[in-house]
Protein backbone atom coordinates (compact mmCIF):
# COMPACT_ATOMS: atom_id res chain seq x y z
CA MET A 1 30.97 -13.53 -40.42
CA ALA A 2 27.49 -13.96 -41.85
CA SER A 3 27.21 -14.59 -45.55
CA LYS A 4 25.45 -12.00 -47.66
CA THR A 5 21.93 -12.90 -48.70
CA ASN A 6 20.64 -12.26 -52.17
CA PRO A 7 17.99 -9.48 -51.98
CA LEU A 8 15.53 -11.62 -53.94
CA ALA A 9 16.04 -14.55 -51.57
CA PHE A 10 15.63 -12.19 -48.63
CA LEU A 11 12.29 -10.93 -49.96
CA GLN A 12 11.14 -14.51 -50.47
CA GLN A 13 12.07 -15.32 -46.86
CA VAL A 14 10.21 -12.23 -45.63
CA ARG A 15 7.13 -13.20 -47.63
CA SER A 16 7.33 -16.74 -46.25
CA GLU A 17 7.57 -15.49 -42.66
CA THR A 18 4.73 -12.98 -43.05
CA SER A 19 2.46 -15.75 -44.29
CA LYS A 20 2.94 -17.48 -40.90
CA ILE A 21 1.49 -14.54 -38.95
CA THR A 22 -1.81 -15.19 -37.21
CA TRP A 23 -3.72 -11.93 -36.96
CA PRO A 24 -6.27 -11.49 -34.16
CA SER A 25 -9.92 -11.45 -35.09
CA ARG A 26 -12.02 -8.30 -34.85
CA ARG A 27 -13.68 -9.68 -31.70
CA GLU A 28 -10.32 -10.43 -30.02
CA THR A 29 -9.10 -6.94 -30.87
CA MET A 30 -12.21 -5.31 -29.40
CA ILE A 31 -12.04 -7.40 -26.21
CA SER A 32 -8.36 -6.53 -25.73
CA THR A 33 -9.07 -2.84 -26.34
CA VAL A 34 -11.88 -2.77 -23.78
CA MET A 35 -9.71 -4.61 -21.24
CA VAL A 36 -6.91 -2.08 -21.69
CA LEU A 37 -9.30 0.86 -21.29
CA VAL A 38 -10.82 -0.62 -18.12
CA MET A 39 -7.36 -1.20 -16.62
CA VAL A 40 -6.32 2.37 -17.51
CA ILE A 41 -9.41 3.73 -15.75
CA PHE A 42 -8.78 1.60 -12.65
CA ALA A 43 -5.10 2.58 -12.55
CA SER A 44 -5.87 6.28 -12.97
CA LEU A 45 -8.47 6.16 -10.18
CA PHE A 46 -6.06 4.32 -7.90
CA PHE A 47 -3.22 6.77 -8.49
CA PHE A 48 -5.56 9.75 -8.11
CA ALA A 49 -6.79 8.39 -4.75
CA ALA A 50 -3.24 7.61 -3.61
CA ASP A 51 -2.08 11.10 -4.59
CA GLN A 52 -4.96 12.73 -2.73
CA LEU A 53 -4.33 10.62 0.37
CA ILE A 54 -0.61 11.34 0.41
CA GLY A 55 -1.30 15.05 -0.10
CA TRP A 56 -3.78 15.07 2.76
CA ILE A 57 -1.36 13.21 5.07
CA LEU A 58 1.50 15.58 4.23
CA SER A 59 -0.62 18.68 4.77
CA TYR A 60 -1.79 17.26 8.10
CA VAL A 61 1.78 16.40 9.21
CA LEU A 62 3.15 19.78 8.14
CA ASN A 63 0.17 21.62 9.70
CA THR A 64 -0.74 23.40 6.49
CA GLY A 65 -4.18 21.81 6.30
CA ASN A 66 -7.40 23.58 7.19
């Protein structure tokens, strides 16, 4: 069983660990954000095209197309 930690010691440990965090710079954050947005656009276009193609193929196979 784990021993109980003094709340004051726990807060000191938390403060010590949070001081070790390396936050990304503003530039790194902006680059990551742009990369995510570009990938979302590409993925949405891909899935839209795949959905349209599958819909067209199914309507052709089932003879419901024009």
